[in-house]
Amino acid sequence: MKMSKKVRAIVLFASALLVFAFASEPNIILYGTAKVKGSPSAGPHFEYGYSVCIDVEIDAQGKIIKVSDDEKNTDASIEADISGSAGTNKIYWKKFLADKGFDKYKNKTLNDVKKINVGIPGKAGPDVVGGASASSLAVKMAVLHALTLDASIKELETYKNPENYKKAEQKKLEKIITEGKDLLESLETYQEIENAIEELKHKLDALKTK
């Protein structure tokens, strides 16, 4: 039976809507945090008494759309510092924001962020915001914290197929995943998260399949 032009148009429109629905997956907003530390004079372990607390918006492929502190969580952390250095620390943070330090993360993936060279605690790198080196490093660590946590939880959830295991082993699998997610979410640095996910995968590898 020949399809009328009107019906054909409706079918094409419906198909286009389905394609758009699957293609336009919503962006995800992650949360990352890192302590601000490292001083050329006081040494790499010196801590400034506050943490950078940022939001990282990513698309469905894990690419960064935006990094921000729109909720002013870092400002709140600076104000909560009881060391008496809030005024000085706020100057460094404002310097980082004024120089648009977040912009360098746009369109970056987890691996791209690892390559950004802001230096190490107490020693600035070429990608640092001048006059805000400790803040620059903390932001990178916070972004890595957010991205690594998200990627690790996704990997943990999909690493094994429960259908390949008997019921008793499935329960063990579920327990490792549930407790593993709690562990990952409790860790402070992306390095700790990377180490933990490898240990969790070893535990999953030890389970017996059917």
Protein backbone atom coordinates (compact mmCIF):
# COMPACT_ATOMS: atom_id res chain seq x y z
CA MET A 1 0.00 0.00 0.00
CA LYS A 2 1.36 3.38 -0.98
CA MET A 3 2.04 5.76 1.93
CA SER A 4 0.53 9.22 1.62
CA LYS A 5 2.76 12.28 1.78
CA LYS A 6 1.13 13.31 5.09
CA VAL A 7 1.70 9.93 6.73
CA ARG A 8 5.25 9.78 5.37
CA ALA A 9 5.96 13.22 6.84
CA ILE A 10 4.62 12.15 10.24
CA VAL A 11 6.77 9.00 10.22
CA LEU A 12 9.87 10.97 9.26
CA PHE A 13 9.17 13.56 11.98
CA ALA A 14 8.72 10.83 14.60
CA SER A 15 11.97 9.17 13.50
CA ALA A 16 13.80 12.48 13.74
CA LEU A 17 12.50 12.97 17.29
CA LEU A 18 13.77 9.52 18.30
CA VAL A 19 17.19 10.21 16.83
CA PHE A 20 17.33 13.56 18.62
CA ALA A 21 16.25 11.97 21.91
CA PHE A 22 19.06 9.42 21.79
CA ALA A 23 21.65 11.86 20.47
CA SER A 24 21.02 14.58 23.04
CA GLU A 25 21.86 12.79 26.27
CA PRO A 26 21.87 15.22 29.19
CA ASN A 27 25.16 16.52 30.54
CA ILE A 28 26.30 15.34 33.96
CA ILE A 29 27.50 17.60 36.76
CA LEU A 30 30.18 16.09 38.99
CA TYR A 31 31.65 17.43 42.23
CA GLY A 32 35.37 17.55 42.98
CA THR A 33 37.44 18.79 45.88
CA ALA A 34 41.11 19.08 46.81
CA LYS A 35 43.13 20.65 49.60
CA VAL A 36 45.15 23.72 48.68
CA LYS A 37 48.76 23.06 49.62
CA GLY A 38 52.38 23.54 48.65
CA SER A 39 54.51 26.62 49.23
CA PRO A 40 57.94 27.53 47.79
CA SER A 41 58.98 28.83 51.19
CA ALA A 42 57.10 26.50 53.58
CA GLY A 43 57.52 23.29 51.56
CA PRO A 44 55.30 20.93 49.51
CA HIS A 45 53.32 19.67 52.49
CA PHE A 46 52.24 23.10 53.72
CA GLU A 47 48.43 23.41 53.75
CA TYR A 48 46.59 26.70 53.41
CA GLY A 49 43.63 25.65 55.55
CA TYR A 50 40.95 25.44 52.87
CA SER A 51 39.88 23.27 49.95
CA VAL A 52 38.91 24.01 46.38
CA CYS A 53 35.35 22.75 45.82
CA ILE A 54 34.17 22.81 42.21
CA ASP A 55 31.53 21.51 39.82
CA VAL A 56 32.60 19.73 36.63
CA GLU A 57 30.01 19.47 33.88
CA ILE A 58 30.71 16.72 31.33
CA ASP A 59 28.91 15.41 28.26
CA ALA A 60 27.97 11.79 27.58
CA GLN A 61 31.47 11.07 26.23
CA GLY A 62 33.18 12.38 29.38
CA LYS A 63 34.42 15.62 27.81
CA ILE A 64 34.36 18.70 30.04
CA ILE A 65 31.77 21.33 29.16
CA LYS A 66 32.45 23.61 32.10
CA VAL A 67 34.32 23.81 35.39
CA SER A 68 32.97 26.31 37.89
CA ASP A 69 32.54 27.42 41.47
CA ASP A 70 29.15 28.99 40.79
CA GLU A 71 27.85 27.84 44.17
CA LYS A 72 30.75 29.62 45.94
CA ASN A 73 31.73 26.51 47.88
CA THR A 74 35.40 27.45 47.72
CA ASP A 75 34.63 30.89 49.15
CA ALA A 76 32.80 29.18 52.01
CA SER A 77 35.80 26.91 52.60
CA ILE A 78 38.13 29.93 52.72
CA GLU A 79 35.87 31.70 55.22
CA ALA A 80 35.82 28.55 57.40
CA ASP A 81 39.61 28.54 57.71
CA ILE A 82 40.45 29.11 61.38
CA SER A 83 44.15 29.79 60.75
CA GLY A 84 43.51 33.51 60.29
CA SER A 85 44.64 33.49 56.66
CA ALA A 86 41.24 33.85 55.00
CA GLY A 87 41.96 37.36 53.72
CA THR A 88 45.22 36.36 52.02
CA ASN A 89 43.80 33.12 50.63
CA LYS A 90 40.85 34.96 49.14
CA ILE A 91 43.25 37.16 47.17
CA TYR A 92 44.89 34.10 45.59
CA TRP A 93 41.53 32.56 44.74
CA LYS A 94 40.24 35.80 43.21
CA LYS A 95 43.42 35.97 41.13
CA PHE A 96 42.75 32.49 39.78
CA LEU A 97 39.17 33.40 38.91
CA ALA A 98 40.10 36.77 37.39
CA ASP A 99 42.61 35.07 35.07
CA LYS A 100 39.89 32.58 34.00
CA GLY A 101 41.80 29.58 35.29
CA PHE A 102 38.82 27.29 34.72
CA ASP A 103 38.88 27.91 30.96
CA LYS A 104 41.89 25.66 30.35
CA TYR A 105 39.74 22.62 31.23
CA LYS A 106 37.02 23.20 28.64
CA ASN A 107 36.72 20.38 26.06
CA LYS A 108 39.26 18.28 27.96
CA THR A 109 38.94 14.59 28.89
CA LEU A 110 40.37 12.87 31.95
CA ASN A 111 43.59 12.01 30.11
CA ASP A 112 43.86 15.57 28.77
CA VAL A 113 43.57 17.02 32.28
CA LYS A 114 46.40 14.79 33.51
CA LYS A 115 48.65 16.41 30.88
CA ILE A 116 47.96 19.97 32.06
CA ASN A 117 51.19 21.02 33.76
CA VAL A 118 50.50 23.31 36.69
CA GLY A 119 53.46 21.90 38.57
CA ILE A 120 53.70 20.11 41.90
CA PRO A 121 53.12 21.36 45.46
CA GLY A 122 55.55 24.19 46.04
CA LYS A 123 56.77 24.39 42.44
CA ALA A 124 54.76 26.02 39.63
CA GLY A 125 54.47 24.60 36.11
CA PRO A 126 54.01 26.38 32.76
CA ASP A 127 50.19 26.08 32.80
CA VAL A 128 49.79 27.71 36.21
CA VAL A 129 47.89 30.96 36.82
CA GLY A 130 50.58 33.41 37.90
CA GLY A 131 50.14 34.52 41.49
CA ALA A 132 47.81 31.60 42.23
CA SER A 133 49.99 28.54 41.81
CA ALA A 134 48.62 26.61 44.82
CA SER A 135 45.04 27.34 43.74
CA SER A 136 45.85 26.24 40.18
CA LEU A 137 47.23 22.91 41.38
CA ALA A 138 44.29 22.35 43.73
CA VAL A 139 41.81 22.99 40.92
CA LYS A 140 43.53 20.43 38.71
CA MET A 141 43.45 17.90 41.56
CA ALA A 142 39.77 18.66 42.18
CA VAL A 143 38.91 18.17 38.50
CA LEU A 144 40.83 14.90 38.46
CA HIS A 145 39.07 13.84 41.65
CA ALA A 146 35.65 14.41 40.06
CA LEU A 147 36.45 12.75 36.73
CA THR A 148 38.31 9.78 38.21
CA LEU A 149 35.57 9.07 40.72
CA ASP A 150 32.89 9.12 38.02
CA ALA A 151 34.92 6.92 35.65
CA SER A 152 35.87 4.46 38.40
CA ILE A 153 32.30 3.98 39.62
CA LYS A 154 31.12 3.37 36.06
CA GLU A 155 33.94 0.87 35.51
CA LEU A 156 33.15 -0.92 38.76
CA GLU A 157 29.47 -1.23 37.87
CA THR A 158 30.13 -2.64 34.39
CA TYR A 159 33.38 -4.58 34.92
CA LYS A 160 31.64 -7.95 35.31
CA ASN A 161 28.39 -9.39 33.96
CA PRO A 162 26.33 -10.91 36.83
CA GLU A 163 24.82 -13.44 34.44
CA ASN A 164 28.19 -15.18 34.22
CA TYR A 165 28.04 -16.13 37.91
CA LYS A 166 26.04 -18.49 40.09
CA LYS A 167 23.72 -16.96 42.69
CA ALA A 168 26.19 -17.28 45.56
CA GLU A 169 28.90 -15.55 43.56
CA GLN A 170 26.43 -12.93 42.32
CA LYS A 171 25.83 -11.92 45.94
CA LYS A 172 29.57 -11.58 46.48
CA LEU A 173 29.78 -9.55 43.27
CA GLU A 174 27.00 -7.22 44.41
CA LYS A 175 28.63 -6.81 47.85
CA ILE A 176 32.01 -5.88 46.37
CA ILE A 177 30.38 -3.33 44.07
CA THR A 178 28.21 -1.77 46.77
CA GLU A 179 30.99 -1.51 49.33
CA GLY A 180 33.45 -0.50 46.61
CA LYS A 181 31.35 2.49 45.57
CA ASP A 182 31.17 3.65 49.20
CA LEU A 183 34.95 3.30 49.47
CA LEU A 184 35.62 5.22 46.25
CA GLU A 185 33.33 8.06 47.31
CA SER A 186 35.16 8.38 50.65
CA LEU A 187 38.63 8.87 49.17
CA GLU A 188 40.18 12.34 48.97
CA THR A 189 42.53 12.16 45.99
CA TYR A 190 42.29 10.82 42.48
CA GLN A 191 45.45 8.74 43.05
CA GLU A 192 43.75 6.97 45.97
CA ILE A 193 40.71 6.33 43.77
CA GLU A 194 42.88 4.89 40.96
CA ASN A 195 44.62 2.54 43.40
CA ALA A 196 41.33 1.47 44.98
CA ILE A 197 39.59 0.63 41.69
CA GLU A 198 42.48 -1.64 40.71
CA GLU A 199 42.21 -3.50 44.03
CA LEU A 200 38.45 -3.83 43.61
CA LYS A 201 38.89 -5.24 40.11
CA HIS A 202 41.31 -7.84 41.48
CA LYS A 203 38.63 -8.89 43.97
CA LEU A 204 36.09 -9.21 41.18
CA ASP A 205 38.56 -11.18 39.06
CA ALA A 206 38.90 -13.70 41.90
CA LEU A 207 35.20 -14.64 41.79
CA LYS A 208 34.39 -17.94 40.11
CA THR A 209 32.28 -17.87 36.97
CA LYS A 210 29.76 -20.58 36.02
